[in-house]
Amino acid sequence: MTPTAPPASDAGYDIEFFWDPVCPFAWITSRWVNQVAAQREYRVDWRFISLRLVNKDKDYATEFPPEYEFGHTAGLRMLRVAAAIRDELGRDVLGGLVTAYGRSYWDLPRGSGMRDRLSTPEHVAEVLAAAGLPGRFVESLDDDRWDDLLDAESQLALSRTGRDVGTPIITFDPPDGMSFFGPVISRLPSDEEAVELWDAVTRLVAFPGFAELKRSMREVPQLNILGGISDAPVQEDWQGGHRRGHLAADRASQDA
């Protein structure tokens, strides 16, 4: 039977990371969390947040850049697979799945054509093989019976942070610790810097009155699929989860 409610927090985990596979910032932050977890011996519970379901009531044609609906839908399809895997095999196998999916996309060079294959049966079969998981889970890509669970888990994450946020969302010291959107980082730190950054973030989180520290200017994510690492990355201004000026309405006003 397909579950419709997300599992409760498990006190055996030190961190809950709510993950959408197609968010570049969630991927980079997940690699940072892995760096820290390896050095501090933390256990990470990889949980789900679907940008497609969070935005299910929005008009993609007017409220997002044109490529976002395809990407968000690809993320939802992969999360169905992840939900089926968690239901059958448990939580501990998901870390390998997160890594395998990310490497299969974000680590490839620009121009590889990978975006057109994103979350296709062939792509996900490769991801499952890389993660050492049974290939039969490909069958869950189009099984929308998982969507109620994914929606509920997404709403759980947003109930902890408020709705005016993006991905990733992290819960520190679950089940009773604070939850925040981010940190949004565009490049991986060194192992030493990773722990220093972690300590700085958790120090802020530990203060009960801390709510937000934000800037809308971001570096282009330093990922191979987006052009690789640069010594002088381009800064972009973001609003509402996308780069300013990339909506169809923005371009129309510029052309007028």
Protein backbone atom coordinates (compact mmCIF):
# COMPACT_ATOMS: atom_id res chain seq x y z
CA MET A 1 0.00 0.00 0.00
CA THR A 2 1.31 3.47 -0.88
CA PRO A 3 1.68 5.65 2.26
CA THR A 4 0.02 9.07 2.25
CA ALA A 5 1.64 10.55 5.36
CA PRO A 6 5.36 11.18 5.84
CA PRO A 7 7.20 9.24 8.52
CA ALA A 8 7.86 11.02 11.77
CA SER A 9 11.30 12.36 12.58
CA ASP A 10 13.72 9.75 13.87
CA ALA A 11 15.84 10.87 16.82
CA GLY A 12 18.62 8.60 15.53
CA TYR A 13 19.44 11.21 12.90
CA ASP A 14 21.31 14.44 13.63
CA ILE A 15 20.12 16.33 10.52
CA GLU A 16 17.05 16.21 8.29
CA PHE A 17 17.72 17.47 4.77
CA PHE A 18 14.66 18.12 2.58
CA TRP A 19 15.82 17.50 -1.00
CA ASP A 20 14.53 18.23 -4.48
CA PRO A 21 16.80 16.55 -7.05
CA VAL A 22 16.70 19.38 -9.61
CA CYS A 23 17.64 22.32 -7.37
CA PRO A 24 21.31 23.20 -7.96
CA PHE A 25 21.60 24.93 -4.59
CA ALA A 26 20.13 21.89 -2.82
CA TRP A 27 22.78 19.75 -4.54
CA ILE A 28 25.69 21.97 -3.52
CA THR A 29 24.41 22.31 0.06
CA SER A 30 23.92 18.54 0.25
CA ARG A 31 27.60 18.03 -0.64
CA TRP A 32 28.57 20.48 2.11
CA VAL A 33 26.38 18.62 4.61
CA ASN A 34 28.09 15.38 3.56
CA GLN A 35 31.49 16.98 4.16
CA VAL A 36 30.46 17.96 7.66
CA ALA A 37 28.71 14.66 8.42
CA ALA A 38 31.85 12.72 7.53
CA GLN A 39 33.99 14.81 9.87
CA ARG A 40 31.53 15.05 12.76
CA GLU A 41 30.02 11.55 12.38
CA TYR A 42 26.51 12.94 11.92
CA ARG A 43 23.67 10.88 10.50
CA VAL A 44 21.59 12.56 7.81
CA ASP A 45 17.94 11.73 7.11
CA TRP A 46 17.35 12.58 3.43
CA ARG A 47 13.73 13.71 3.22
CA PHE A 48 11.64 15.04 0.33
CA ILE A 49 10.36 18.39 -0.85
CA SER A 50 8.88 18.66 -4.34
CA LEU A 51 9.09 22.06 -5.99
CA ARG A 52 6.49 20.87 -8.51
CA LEU A 53 3.97 20.06 -5.77
CA VAL A 54 4.78 23.15 -3.69
CA ASN A 55 3.97 25.21 -6.79
CA LYS A 56 1.07 23.09 -8.05
CA ASP A 57 -1.38 26.00 -7.86
CA LYS A 58 0.86 28.44 -9.74
CA ASP A 59 0.75 29.28 -13.43
CA TYR A 60 4.11 28.15 -14.72
CA ALA A 61 3.63 30.05 -17.99
CA THR A 62 3.60 33.44 -16.23
CA GLU A 63 5.22 32.89 -12.82
CA PHE A 64 8.38 30.96 -13.77
CA PRO A 65 11.00 30.97 -16.51
CA PRO A 66 10.02 28.62 -19.37
CA GLU A 67 12.35 25.76 -18.43
CA TYR A 68 11.18 25.45 -14.82
CA GLU A 69 8.08 23.30 -15.35
CA PHE A 70 10.11 20.62 -17.10
CA GLY A 71 12.77 20.67 -14.39
CA HIS A 72 10.35 20.65 -11.46
CA THR A 73 8.40 17.78 -13.05
CA ALA A 74 11.62 15.81 -13.52
CA GLY A 75 12.33 16.32 -9.84
CA LEU A 76 8.87 15.07 -8.88
CA ARG A 77 9.30 11.94 -10.99
CA MET A 78 12.59 11.11 -9.28
CA LEU A 79 11.11 11.75 -5.85
CA ARG A 80 8.41 9.15 -6.56
CA VAL A 81 11.21 6.65 -7.10
CA ALA A 82 12.93 7.79 -3.91
CA ALA A 83 9.69 7.48 -1.93
CA ALA A 84 9.13 3.92 -3.17
CA ILE A 85 12.72 3.03 -2.24
CA ARG A 86 12.38 4.50 1.26
CA ASP A 87 9.09 2.72 1.81
CA GLU A 88 10.59 -0.67 0.95
CA LEU A 89 14.25 -0.42 1.89
CA GLY A 90 14.33 2.23 4.63
CA ARG A 91 15.92 5.63 5.06
CA ASP A 92 19.58 4.70 5.22
CA VAL A 93 19.91 3.90 1.50
CA LEU A 94 18.79 7.35 0.38
CA GLY A 95 22.13 9.08 0.85
CA GLY A 96 23.62 6.98 -1.94
CA LEU A 97 20.64 7.74 -4.16
CA VAL A 98 20.98 11.50 -3.61
CA THR A 99 24.66 11.29 -4.51
CA ALA A 100 24.13 9.11 -7.58
CA TYR A 101 21.41 11.34 -9.03
CA GLY A 102 23.40 14.51 -8.45
CA ARG A 103 26.56 13.14 -9.98
CA SER A 104 24.64 11.90 -13.00
CA TYR A 105 23.51 15.44 -13.76
CA TRP A 106 25.35 18.27 -12.03
CA ASP A 107 28.82 16.79 -12.54
CA LEU A 108 28.44 16.42 -16.31
CA PRO A 109 29.83 19.13 -18.64
CA ARG A 110 27.71 21.82 -20.23
CA GLY A 111 26.46 20.68 -23.61
CA SER A 112 26.24 17.04 -22.57
CA GLY A 113 22.52 16.89 -23.44
CA MET A 114 21.81 15.48 -20.00
CA ARG A 115 18.93 17.86 -19.31
CA ASP A 116 16.85 16.26 -22.07
CA ARG A 117 17.35 12.85 -20.40
CA LEU A 118 16.60 14.05 -16.88
CA SER A 119 14.47 11.53 -14.95
CA THR A 120 13.75 9.43 -18.01
CA PRO A 121 13.58 5.67 -17.39
CA GLU A 122 17.02 5.26 -18.96
CA HIS A 123 18.55 7.96 -16.79
CA VAL A 124 17.01 6.68 -13.56
CA ALA A 125 18.07 3.11 -14.35
CA GLU A 126 21.65 4.39 -14.53
CA VAL A 127 21.21 6.25 -11.22
CA LEU A 128 19.85 3.15 -9.49
CA ALA A 129 22.72 1.04 -10.78
CA ALA A 130 25.25 3.59 -9.56
CA ALA A 131 23.59 3.61 -6.13
CA GLY A 132 23.49 -0.20 -5.96
CA LEU A 133 19.67 -0.25 -5.85
CA PRO A 134 17.25 -2.54 -7.71
CA GLY A 135 16.38 -1.37 -11.20
CA ARG A 136 12.72 -2.29 -10.74
CA PHE A 137 12.15 0.99 -8.89
CA VAL A 138 12.16 2.73 -12.29
CA GLU A 139 8.53 1.65 -12.45
CA SER A 140 7.65 4.30 -9.82
CA LEU A 141 8.56 7.27 -12.05
CA ASP A 142 4.97 7.75 -13.22
CA ASP A 143 3.23 6.32 -10.15
CA ASP A 144 1.36 9.37 -8.90
CA ARG A 145 0.06 7.43 -5.90
CA TRP A 146 3.22 8.68 -4.17
CA ASP A 147 2.29 12.31 -4.74
CA ASP A 148 0.13 12.61 -1.62
CA LEU A 149 3.04 11.50 0.53
CA LEU A 150 5.47 13.81 -1.28
CA ASP A 151 3.07 16.72 -0.94
CA ALA A 152 2.59 16.00 2.77
CA GLU A 153 6.34 15.81 3.35
CA SER A 154 6.82 19.07 1.44
CA GLN A 155 4.15 20.72 3.59
CA LEU A 156 5.85 19.35 6.71
CA ALA A 157 9.07 21.10 5.72
CA LEU A 158 7.22 24.37 5.03
CA SER A 159 5.32 24.13 8.31
CA ARG A 160 8.67 24.32 10.06
CA THR A 161 10.04 27.32 8.15
CA GLY A 162 7.05 29.23 6.78
CA ARG A 163 6.10 29.24 3.13
CA ASP A 164 8.20 32.09 1.69
CA VAL A 165 11.27 29.92 1.23
CA GLY A 166 12.93 27.66 -1.33
CA THR A 167 15.14 24.60 -1.22
CA PRO A 168 17.00 23.15 0.53
CA ILE A 169 15.40 23.05 3.97
CA ILE A 170 17.39 21.64 6.87
CA THR A 171 16.16 20.65 10.31
CA PHE A 172 18.94 20.74 12.87
CA ASP A 173 18.75 18.23 15.77
CA PRO A 174 15.38 16.72 14.80
CA PRO A 175 12.68 16.32 15.84
CA ASP A 176 12.68 19.42 18.07
CA GLY A 177 15.47 21.51 16.55
CA MET A 178 15.06 24.59 14.39
CA SER A 179 14.49 24.42 10.63
CA PHE A 180 15.75 26.90 8.02
CA PHE A 181 15.86 27.41 4.29
CA GLY A 182 19.48 27.14 3.25
CA PRO A 183 22.22 27.95 3.65
CA VAL A 184 22.25 28.72 -0.07
CA ILE A 185 25.84 28.33 -1.23
CA SER A 186 27.11 28.40 -4.80
CA ARG A 187 30.40 26.57 -4.35
CA LEU A 188 31.83 23.85 -2.14
CA PRO A 189 34.17 24.88 0.66
CA SER A 190 37.27 22.94 1.62
CA ASP A 191 36.80 20.30 4.33
CA GLU A 192 38.19 22.69 6.92
CA GLU A 193 36.01 25.56 5.73
CA ALA A 194 32.99 23.23 5.68
CA VAL A 195 33.18 22.64 9.41
CA GLU A 196 33.81 26.34 10.12
CA LEU A 197 30.74 27.24 8.05
CA TRP A 198 28.68 24.59 9.83
CA ASP A 199 29.66 25.94 13.22
CA ALA A 200 28.77 29.47 12.15
CA VAL A 201 25.37 28.41 10.80
CA THR A 202 24.46 26.28 13.82
CA ARG A 203 25.53 29.07 16.16
CA LEU A 204 23.00 31.34 14.45
CA VAL A 205 20.33 28.64 14.46
CA ALA A 206 20.80 28.09 18.19
CA PHE A 207 19.75 31.66 18.97
CA PRO A 208 15.94 31.55 19.41
CA GLY A 209 15.43 35.03 17.98
CA PHE A 210 17.31 34.42 14.73
CA ALA A 211 15.06 34.44 11.66
CA GLU A 212 16.88 35.44 8.48
CA LEU A 213 20.15 36.59 6.95
CA LYS A 214 19.71 37.11 3.21
CA ARG A 215 20.94 38.71 0.03
CA SER A 216 19.33 38.27 -3.39
CA MET A 217 22.65 38.46 -5.28
CA ARG A 218 24.06 34.99 -5.89
CA GLU A 219 26.96 33.53 -7.78
CA VAL A 220 26.07 31.28 -10.68
CA PRO A 221 26.24 27.81 -9.07
CA GLN A 222 29.72 26.44 -9.59
CA LEU A 223 28.72 23.20 -11.29
CA ASN A 224 30.02 21.49 -14.41
CA ILE A 225 26.60 21.33 -16.05
CA LEU A 226 26.28 25.12 -15.69
CA GLY A 227 29.70 25.91 -17.08
CA GLY A 228 32.16 24.72 -14.47
CA ILE A 229 34.25 26.42 -11.79
CA SER A 230 35.29 30.02 -12.29
CA ASP A 231 37.72 32.24 -10.39
CA ALA A 232 35.36 35.16 -11.03
CA PRO A 233 31.80 33.74 -11.13
CA VAL A 234 29.00 35.90 -12.47
CA GLN A 235 26.70 37.43 -9.86
CA GLU A 236 22.95 37.19 -10.51
CA ASP A 237 20.02 38.85 -8.75
CA TRP A 238 17.34 36.33 -7.69
CA GLN A 239 13.72 36.90 -6.78
CA GLY A 240 10.93 34.45 -6.08
CA GLY A 241 13.13 31.41 -6.75
CA HIS A 242 14.46 32.48 -10.14
CA ARG A 243 16.87 34.93 -11.72
CA ARG A 244 15.50 38.44 -12.04
CA GLY A 245 14.53 39.24 -15.63
CA HIS A 246 13.97 35.64 -16.74
CA LEU A 247 10.18 35.55 -16.71
CA ALA A 248 8.40 35.94 -20.02
CA ALA A 249 6.72 39.05 -18.59
CA ASP A 250 10.11 40.52 -17.67
CA ARG A 251 11.44 40.05 -21.18
CA ALA A 252 8.26 41.48 -22.72
CA SER A 253 8.57 44.64 -20.61
CA GLN A 254 12.22 44.99 -21.60
CA ASP A 255 11.33 44.69 -25.29
CA ALA A 256 8.45 47.18 -25.08
